[in-house]
Amino acid sequence: MIITFCGAQSSGKTTLLNYLSDRNPEFKFIPEVTRYIKRKYALPINEQGSLLTQMMIMTQHVANAYNVNNNQSINVILDRCSIDGLIYTRWLCENGLDMSAYSFAQTMHELTVNKYDVIFVTSHEGVLLDDDGERSIDVGFRNGIIKLFDEHFSTHEYSNVVVLKGSVKERLETIKSTLAKLGLEITI
């Protein structure tokens, strides 16, 4: 199975993933694509993302989805998915990046979205914007991304999306019960 998280920056994804990875060594955890691309290729991210940055991010989302499916015996949890790449690319294109980036992101998203068995969307409500040294701490940028996520999920239907709200404990309980319905046991 491929389980993924998505949502605006500072919405609790990393907290949940760190907690789960510490307690569930039988799952393969794939770290966040954007930070990987920044570190590996020294490309700008967040508001400074470039056409090349977004193309590399979307390509990595496709690679993650297809590499995982080559080994059906491993359950994988991804930190972010192609929906994230699509939303951030849209924001960048609405703020000056060439629109060809968004067309590319849409195509790559269509190639991957059906590969995800569960997409956990982390709500930003009650989660403060936190400076971790890499994510943008610009409130306007975050609010723009949140708006685009809200618009996306109000106009696109996914049968495999579960929204995570509330405290960390409540979110973990939702994850546990969702995966249990699919026959996967996870320790929280």
Protein backbone atom coordinates (compact mmCIF):
# COMPACT_ATOMS: atom_id res chain seq x y z
CA MET A 1 0.00 0.00 0.00
CA ILE A 2 1.00 3.59 -0.54
CA ILE A 3 -0.12 5.94 2.19
CA THR A 4 0.62 9.62 1.84
CA PHE A 5 0.21 12.89 3.66
CA CYS A 6 -0.48 16.26 2.11
CA GLY A 7 -1.32 19.77 3.22
CA ALA A 8 0.05 23.26 3.64
CA GLN A 9 3.36 23.87 5.35
CA SER A 10 3.18 23.80 9.13
CA SER A 11 0.02 21.70 9.27
CA GLY A 12 1.44 18.84 11.33
CA LYS A 13 2.66 16.35 8.71
CA THR A 14 6.22 16.03 9.97
CA THR A 15 5.10 15.67 13.59
CA LEU A 16 2.83 12.78 12.65
CA LEU A 17 5.38 11.13 10.37
CA ASN A 18 8.16 11.32 12.94
CA TYR A 19 5.86 9.82 15.56
CA LEU A 20 4.74 7.01 13.25
CA SER A 21 8.19 6.19 11.89
CA ASP A 22 9.59 5.81 15.41
CA ARG A 23 6.94 3.20 16.25
CA ASN A 24 6.43 1.38 12.94
CA PRO A 25 9.72 0.06 11.53
CA GLU A 26 7.86 -2.41 9.30
CA PHE A 27 6.72 0.49 7.11
CA LYS A 28 9.03 2.25 4.68
CA PHE A 29 8.92 6.01 5.22
CA ILE A 30 9.87 8.25 2.29
CA PRO A 31 10.97 11.76 3.33
CA GLU A 32 9.56 14.95 1.91
CA VAL A 33 10.32 15.51 -1.76
CA THR A 34 10.75 19.30 -1.73
CA ARG A 35 13.51 19.32 0.88
CA TYR A 36 15.18 16.41 -0.88
CA ILE A 37 15.23 18.34 -4.18
CA LYS A 38 16.56 21.45 -2.41
CA ARG A 39 19.39 19.54 -0.75
CA LYS A 40 20.33 17.27 -3.64
CA TYR A 41 20.25 19.86 -6.42
CA ALA A 42 20.58 23.17 -4.51
CA LEU A 43 17.38 24.44 -6.10
CA PRO A 44 15.24 27.21 -4.58
CA ILE A 45 11.96 26.18 -2.92
CA ASN A 46 8.90 27.85 -1.39
CA GLU A 47 8.11 31.27 -2.90
CA GLN A 48 11.37 31.20 -4.86
CA GLY A 49 10.61 27.88 -6.56
CA SER A 50 11.60 27.79 -10.21
CA LEU A 51 10.36 25.93 -13.26
CA LEU A 52 13.19 23.43 -12.80
CA THR A 53 12.41 23.06 -9.09
CA GLN A 54 8.77 22.23 -9.76
CA MET A 55 9.60 19.85 -12.58
CA MET A 56 12.08 17.99 -10.36
CA ILE A 57 9.57 17.85 -7.49
CA MET A 58 6.81 16.45 -9.68
CA THR A 59 9.18 13.95 -11.30
CA GLN A 60 10.20 12.72 -7.85
CA HIS A 61 6.53 12.27 -6.87
CA VAL A 62 6.07 10.05 -9.92
CA ALA A 63 9.26 8.13 -9.12
CA ASN A 64 8.09 7.55 -5.54
CA ALA A 65 4.69 6.25 -6.66
CA TYR A 66 6.07 3.93 -9.32
CA ASN A 67 9.15 2.67 -7.44
CA VAL A 68 6.97 1.65 -4.54
CA ASN A 69 4.58 -0.29 -6.76
CA ASN A 70 7.45 -2.39 -8.09
CA ASN A 71 7.65 -4.10 -4.68
CA GLN A 72 4.14 -5.02 -3.60
CA SER A 73 5.24 -6.54 -0.28
CA ILE A 74 6.23 -3.21 1.31
CA ASN A 75 3.81 -0.71 2.80
CA VAL A 76 5.08 2.81 2.25
CA ILE A 77 4.23 6.11 3.89
CA LEU A 78 5.10 9.21 1.89
CA ASP A 79 5.64 12.68 3.32
CA ARG A 80 3.72 14.63 0.65
CA CYS A 81 2.32 13.59 -2.70
CA SER A 82 1.62 14.95 -6.16
CA ILE A 83 -1.31 17.00 -4.84
CA ASP A 84 1.18 19.07 -2.85
CA GLY A 85 3.36 19.58 -5.90
CA LEU A 86 0.33 20.58 -7.95
CA ILE A 87 -0.87 23.12 -5.36
CA TYR A 88 2.52 24.74 -4.80
CA THR A 89 3.12 24.89 -8.56
CA ARG A 90 -0.25 26.55 -9.04
CA TRP A 91 0.63 29.20 -6.43
CA LEU A 92 3.96 29.85 -8.15
CA CYS A 93 2.29 30.14 -11.58
CA GLU A 94 -0.32 32.53 -10.21
CA ASN A 95 2.58 34.59 -8.91
CA GLY A 96 4.74 34.82 -12.00
CA LEU A 97 6.13 31.38 -12.86
CA ASP A 98 5.56 30.26 -16.45
CA MET A 99 2.20 28.45 -16.76
CA SER A 100 3.91 25.55 -18.52
CA ALA A 101 4.99 24.44 -15.05
CA TYR A 102 1.35 24.00 -14.02
CA SER A 103 0.50 22.00 -17.15
CA PHE A 104 3.47 19.74 -16.41
CA ALA A 105 2.39 19.39 -12.75
CA GLN A 106 -1.17 18.48 -13.79
CA THR A 107 0.09 15.75 -16.11
CA MET A 108 2.42 14.31 -13.47
CA HIS A 109 -0.34 14.46 -10.85
CA GLU A 110 -2.69 12.51 -13.13
CA LEU A 111 -0.01 9.82 -13.49
CA THR A 112 0.28 9.34 -9.73
CA VAL A 113 -2.92 10.19 -7.90
CA ASN A 114 -4.52 6.78 -8.46
CA LYS A 115 -1.44 5.04 -7.04
CA TYR A 116 -2.14 6.33 -3.52
CA ASP A 117 -4.26 4.04 -1.36
CA VAL A 118 -4.86 6.67 1.33
CA ILE A 119 -4.22 10.40 1.23
CA PHE A 120 -4.20 11.96 4.70
CA VAL A 121 -4.79 15.71 4.42
CA THR A 122 -3.54 17.59 7.47
CA SER A 123 -5.70 20.51 8.51
CA HIS A 124 -3.85 23.73 9.31
CA GLU A 125 -6.42 24.65 11.98
CA GLY A 126 -4.83 24.95 15.39
CA VAL A 127 -1.29 24.50 14.04
CA LEU A 128 0.99 27.51 14.25
CA LEU A 129 3.43 28.46 11.52
CA ASP A 130 6.77 27.14 12.74
CA ASP A 131 10.22 28.15 11.51
CA ASP A 132 12.23 24.97 10.96
CA GLY A 133 14.91 26.71 8.93
CA GLU A 134 13.65 25.46 5.55
CA ARG A 135 9.93 26.09 5.24
CA SER A 136 8.63 29.52 4.41
CA ILE A 137 7.42 31.51 7.40
CA ASP A 138 5.64 34.07 5.23
CA VAL A 139 2.04 34.14 6.48
CA GLY A 140 0.73 35.43 3.14
CA PHE A 141 2.37 32.54 1.28
CA ARG A 142 0.98 30.00 3.74
CA ASN A 143 -2.51 31.50 3.56
CA GLY A 144 -2.36 31.43 -0.24
CA ILE A 145 -1.38 27.76 -0.18
CA ILE A 146 -4.15 26.95 2.32
CA LYS A 147 -6.68 28.70 0.05
CA LEU A 148 -5.52 26.67 -2.95
CA PHE A 149 -5.73 23.39 -1.00
CA ASP A 150 -9.27 24.30 0.09
CA GLU A 151 -10.24 25.15 -3.50
CA HIS A 152 -8.67 21.96 -4.83
CA PHE A 153 -10.50 19.66 -2.44
CA SER A 154 -13.79 21.49 -2.97
CA THR A 155 -13.59 20.93 -6.74
CA HIS A 156 -11.93 17.48 -6.92
CA GLU A 157 -13.36 14.32 -5.46
CA TYR A 158 -11.08 11.61 -4.18
CA SER A 159 -12.44 8.44 -2.63
CA ASN A 160 -9.20 7.88 -0.72
CA VAL A 161 -8.84 11.22 1.13
CA VAL A 162 -9.09 11.43 4.91
CA VAL A 163 -8.83 14.83 6.59
CA LEU A 164 -6.87 14.91 9.85
CA LYS A 165 -8.07 17.46 12.40
CA GLY A 166 -7.70 18.08 16.10
CA SER A 167 -4.84 17.27 18.41
CA VAL A 168 -1.90 15.05 17.48
CA LYS A 169 -3.53 12.25 19.48
CA GLU A 170 -6.85 12.67 17.63
CA ARG A 171 -5.05 12.69 14.28
CA LEU A 172 -3.13 9.52 15.17
CA GLU A 173 -6.37 7.80 16.20
CA THR A 174 -7.90 8.71 12.83
CA ILE A 175 -4.86 7.33 11.03
CA LYS A 176 -4.98 4.11 13.06
CA SER A 177 -8.70 3.53 12.48
CA THR A 178 -8.49 4.37 8.77
CA LEU A 179 -5.65 1.94 8.18
CA ALA A 180 -7.30 -0.75 10.32
CA LYS A 181 -10.30 -0.65 7.96
CA LEU A 182 -7.86 -1.47 5.16
CA GLY A 183 -6.34 -4.35 7.11
CA LEU A 184 -3.19 -2.52 8.20
CA GLU A 185 -2.24 -2.34 11.84
CA ILE A 186 -0.15 0.62 12.91
CA THR A 187 1.26 1.44 16.33
CA ILE A 188 0.49 4.86 17.74
